Amino acid sequence: MSDFSARRVMMVDTQVRPSDVTKFPIIDAMLIVPREAFVPHSKREAAYVGENLDIGAGRVMPEARTLAKMLDALDILPGDRILDIACGLGYSSAVLARMAASVVAVESDAGLAGAALATLAEIGVANVTVVQGDLAAGAAQSGPYDVITVQGGVQEVPAALLDQLAEGGRIAAIFMQGPLGVVKVGHKAEGRVTWRFAFNATAPVLPGFAKAAAFAL
């Protein structure tokens, strides 16, 4: 067993399972996908640390616990079509790709998007399409989606993104209020998305997801 595969087992045993995540597809994906391949080379040694990891361009890779609990709350099915917003270097997309039918990964930073594309190809992930573009705009041309995941902080979710969620679909995002945040899961029924609290987590607010400042006289 390589050093990194041993660390993967430890990550699952100390960060994922103790957070009440027991669904086999999540555990299996997190044991198989090489997290160290999806971080800047200089940070590979920190790939399995239980905290958000700075990946450059003002972005973080959410800690494994946050991603695992988010996927658990979304109840992902093998036939689901997924939109992964702010995929960064592609780790979340690689994990999702093992659990669902297809993933469209959107990344606004050209450097991150290019690296994600290269790493996904390198490890043989064939069911992820990386789209470089505005995070808040999503990827309507490939929708609608059964599940939308947002891999970073938001203050509000743009309507353009919610429109890309299929009827009966689910969406999860980390809603930030100052330094504190909560992950909420939204369910779409009759064209409307209803949100409910899932768990606490934090991440920097993504470009395009800050609340518009209220106009004051």
Protein backbone atom coordinates (compact mmCIF):
# COMPACT_ATOMS: atom_id res chain seq x y z
CA MET A 1 0.00 0.00 0.00
CA SER A 2 1.52 3.34 -1.01
CA ASP A 3 1.92 6.10 1.53
CA PHE A 4 -0.89 8.09 -0.13
CA SER A 5 -3.31 5.17 -0.26
CA ALA A 6 -2.67 4.61 3.46
CA ARG A 7 -3.46 8.29 4.04
CA ARG A 8 -6.68 7.90 2.04
CA VAL A 9 -7.79 5.09 4.35
CA MET A 10 -6.90 7.23 7.36
CA MET A 11 -8.82 10.21 5.91
CA VAL A 12 -11.93 8.05 5.49
CA ASP A 13 -11.53 6.47 8.94
CA THR A 14 -10.80 9.69 10.87
CA GLN A 15 -12.62 12.44 8.90
CA VAL A 16 -15.43 10.82 6.90
CA ARG A 17 -16.86 7.89 8.88
CA PRO A 18 -16.86 9.78 12.24
CA SER A 19 -19.03 12.44 10.51
CA ASP A 20 -21.80 9.82 10.12
CA VAL A 21 -21.09 9.27 6.42
CA THR A 22 -21.52 5.54 5.83
CA LYS A 23 -22.93 5.24 2.28
CA PHE A 24 -20.76 2.80 0.35
CA PRO A 25 -20.52 4.82 -2.92
CA ILE A 26 -19.08 7.85 -1.05
CA ILE A 27 -16.62 5.79 1.01
CA ASP A 28 -15.59 3.81 -2.09
CA ALA A 29 -15.02 6.94 -4.22
CA MET A 30 -13.00 8.65 -1.50
CA LEU A 31 -10.83 5.56 -1.00
CA ILE A 32 -10.11 5.31 -4.74
CA VAL A 33 -9.73 8.89 -6.04
CA PRO A 34 -6.14 10.10 -5.41
CA ARG A 35 -6.76 13.39 -3.62
CA GLU A 36 -3.03 14.21 -3.75
CA ALA A 37 -3.22 14.39 -7.58
CA PHE A 38 -5.71 17.28 -7.35
CA VAL A 39 -3.70 19.71 -5.22
CA PRO A 40 -0.82 22.02 -6.22
CA HIS A 41 2.35 19.89 -6.34
CA SER A 42 3.95 21.82 -3.48
CA LYS A 43 0.98 20.92 -1.24
CA ARG A 44 0.75 17.17 -1.89
CA GLU A 45 1.94 16.40 1.64
CA ALA A 46 -1.04 18.37 2.99
CA ALA A 47 -3.61 16.74 0.68
CA TYR A 48 -5.16 14.62 3.44
CA VAL A 49 -5.14 17.18 6.26
CA GLY A 50 -8.63 17.68 7.70
CA GLU A 51 -9.11 21.30 6.71
CA ASN A 52 -9.78 23.46 3.64
CA LEU A 53 -6.70 23.55 1.41
CA ASP A 54 -5.64 26.71 -0.46
CA ILE A 55 -5.29 25.80 -4.15
CA GLY A 56 -4.47 29.30 -5.41
CA ALA A 57 -6.55 31.85 -7.36
CA GLY A 58 -8.29 32.76 -4.09
CA ARG A 59 -9.87 29.32 -3.88
CA VAL A 60 -9.84 26.33 -1.56
CA MET A 61 -10.46 22.62 -1.88
CA PRO A 62 -13.11 21.96 0.81
CA GLU A 63 -12.04 19.51 3.51
CA ALA A 64 -12.96 15.86 2.91
CA ARG A 65 -15.57 15.91 5.70
CA THR A 66 -17.43 18.80 4.03
CA LEU A 67 -17.51 17.12 0.61
CA ALA A 68 -18.50 13.73 2.08
CA LYS A 69 -21.35 15.16 4.18
CA MET A 70 -22.55 17.24 1.22
CA LEU A 71 -22.68 14.16 -1.02
CA ASP A 72 -24.42 12.22 1.76
CA ALA A 73 -27.09 14.91 2.13
CA LEU A 74 -27.65 15.01 -1.66
CA ASP A 75 -28.34 11.27 -1.89
CA ILE A 76 -26.60 10.86 -5.27
CA LEU A 77 -27.88 8.08 -7.53
CA PRO A 78 -25.95 6.16 -10.24
CA GLY A 79 -28.03 7.67 -13.04
CA ASP A 80 -27.71 11.31 -11.90
CA ARG A 81 -26.40 14.07 -14.16
CA ILE A 82 -24.39 16.48 -12.04
CA LEU A 83 -23.27 20.10 -12.36
CA ASP A 84 -20.17 20.73 -10.20
CA ILE A 85 -19.65 24.49 -9.78
CA ALA A 86 -16.15 25.79 -8.88
CA CYS A 87 -14.51 22.42 -9.40
CA GLY A 88 -11.08 23.96 -8.75
CA LEU A 89 -8.44 21.35 -9.61
CA GLY A 90 -11.12 18.69 -10.15
CA TYR A 91 -11.16 16.53 -7.01
CA SER A 92 -14.88 16.89 -6.28
CA SER A 93 -15.69 16.13 -9.93
CA ALA A 94 -13.57 12.96 -9.84
CA VAL A 95 -15.36 11.76 -6.70
CA LEU A 96 -18.78 12.58 -8.17
CA ALA A 97 -17.86 10.85 -11.43
CA ARG A 98 -17.51 7.53 -9.59
CA MET A 99 -20.99 7.90 -8.08
CA ALA A 100 -23.08 9.31 -10.93
CA ALA A 101 -23.64 9.00 -14.68
CA SER A 102 -21.97 12.23 -15.79
CA VAL A 103 -20.50 15.44 -14.40
CA VAL A 104 -20.20 18.88 -15.98
CA ALA A 105 -17.50 20.74 -14.02
CA VAL A 106 -17.47 24.54 -14.26
CA GLU A 107 -14.36 26.54 -13.35
CA SER A 108 -13.83 30.25 -14.02
CA ASP A 109 -10.04 30.31 -13.50
CA ALA A 110 -8.25 29.21 -16.67
CA GLY A 111 -5.26 27.79 -14.81
CA LEU A 112 -7.39 25.69 -12.46
CA ALA A 113 -9.67 24.51 -15.31
CA GLY A 114 -6.71 23.44 -17.45
CA ALA A 115 -5.10 21.55 -14.58
CA ALA A 116 -8.41 19.85 -13.70
CA LEU A 117 -8.85 18.70 -17.29
CA ALA A 118 -5.30 17.31 -17.42
CA THR A 119 -5.49 15.48 -14.09
CA LEU A 120 -8.92 13.95 -14.82
CA ALA A 121 -7.60 12.65 -18.15
CA GLU A 122 -4.41 11.38 -16.50
CA ILE A 123 -6.26 9.22 -13.97
CA GLY A 124 -8.73 7.99 -16.59
CA VAL A 125 -11.95 9.78 -15.59
CA ALA A 126 -14.01 9.73 -18.79
CA ASN A 127 -17.45 11.00 -17.66
CA VAL A 128 -16.50 14.56 -16.63
CA THR A 129 -16.68 17.53 -19.01
CA VAL A 130 -14.72 20.59 -17.81
CA VAL A 131 -16.18 23.94 -18.87
CA GLN A 132 -14.20 27.14 -18.32
CA GLY A 133 -16.62 29.97 -17.69
CA ASP A 134 -18.54 32.15 -15.26
CA LEU A 135 -19.37 30.11 -12.13
CA ALA A 136 -22.68 31.87 -11.52
CA ALA A 137 -23.82 31.16 -15.10
CA GLY A 138 -23.39 27.38 -14.76
CA ALA A 139 -23.60 25.36 -17.98
CA ALA A 140 -27.19 25.60 -19.21
CA GLN A 141 -26.35 24.03 -22.59
CA SER A 142 -25.85 20.63 -20.92
CA GLY A 143 -28.72 20.86 -18.40
CA PRO A 144 -31.02 20.34 -16.74
CA TYR A 145 -29.18 18.52 -13.93
CA ASP A 146 -30.40 16.13 -11.26
CA VAL A 147 -27.84 17.50 -8.78
CA ILE A 148 -25.87 20.75 -8.51
CA THR A 149 -22.94 21.05 -6.11
CA VAL A 150 -21.19 24.34 -5.32
CA GLN A 151 -17.62 23.81 -4.07
CA GLY A 152 -17.20 27.07 -2.20
CA GLY A 153 -18.99 29.71 -0.19
CA VAL A 154 -22.08 31.61 -1.35
CA GLN A 155 -24.20 34.40 0.09
CA GLU A 156 -26.94 33.70 -2.40
CA VAL A 157 -27.40 31.33 -5.35
CA PRO A 158 -28.19 33.06 -8.66
CA ALA A 159 -31.54 32.26 -10.27
CA ALA A 160 -29.71 31.31 -13.50
CA LEU A 161 -28.19 28.36 -11.64
CA LEU A 162 -31.42 27.26 -9.96
CA ASP A 163 -33.07 27.28 -13.41
CA GLN A 164 -30.63 24.54 -14.48
CA LEU A 165 -31.86 22.17 -11.76
CA ALA A 166 -34.31 19.55 -13.00
CA GLU A 167 -37.71 19.18 -11.36
CA GLY A 168 -37.15 16.92 -8.34
CA GLY A 169 -33.44 17.80 -8.36
CA ARG A 170 -31.17 18.66 -5.42
CA ILE A 171 -28.57 21.39 -4.90
CA ALA A 172 -26.05 21.95 -2.09
CA ALA A 173 -23.97 25.02 -1.22
CA ILE A 174 -22.07 26.50 1.73
CA PHE A 175 -23.96 29.65 2.78
CA MET A 176 -21.60 32.11 4.47
CA GLN A 177 -22.56 34.80 6.98
CA GLY A 178 -19.35 36.56 7.92
CA PRO A 179 -16.80 33.94 9.06
CA LEU A 180 -19.45 31.28 9.77
CA GLY A 181 -21.21 29.06 7.27
CA VAL A 182 -23.79 26.33 6.94
CA VAL A 183 -24.35 23.82 4.18
CA LYS A 184 -27.94 23.85 2.98
CA VAL A 185 -29.56 21.42 0.56
CA GLY A 186 -32.26 22.67 -1.78
CA HIS A 187 -34.98 20.50 -3.35
CA LYS A 188 -36.83 21.64 -6.47
CA ALA A 189 -40.57 20.99 -6.60
CA GLU A 190 -43.09 22.72 -8.87
CA GLY A 191 -40.35 25.01 -10.12
CA ARG A 192 -39.37 26.28 -6.66
CA VAL A 193 -36.29 25.43 -4.60
CA THR A 194 -36.81 24.93 -0.85
CA TRP A 195 -33.67 24.96 1.29
CA ARG A 196 -32.98 23.12 4.55
CA PHE A 197 -30.02 23.11 6.93
CA ALA A 198 -27.62 20.15 6.63
CA PHE A 199 -24.46 20.91 8.70
CA ASN A 200 -21.86 23.60 9.51
CA ALA A 201 -18.92 24.30 7.17
CA THR A 202 -16.96 27.28 5.87
CA ALA A 203 -15.30 28.35 2.60
CA PRO A 204 -14.43 31.67 0.93
CA VAL A 205 -17.34 33.22 -0.99
CA LEU A 206 -16.96 32.46 -4.71
CA PRO A 207 -16.90 35.18 -7.39
CA GLY A 208 -20.47 35.85 -8.53
CA PHE A 209 -22.08 34.49 -5.34
CA ALA A 210 -21.90 37.52 -3.05
CA LYS A 211 -25.19 39.17 -2.13
CA ALA A 212 -25.83 42.34 -4.10
CA ALA A 213 -25.32 45.30 -1.75
CA ALA A 214 -28.62 46.84 -0.70
CA PHE A 215 -29.01 50.31 -2.21
CA ALA A 216 -29.27 52.94 0.50
CA LEU A 217 -29.97 56.67 0.16
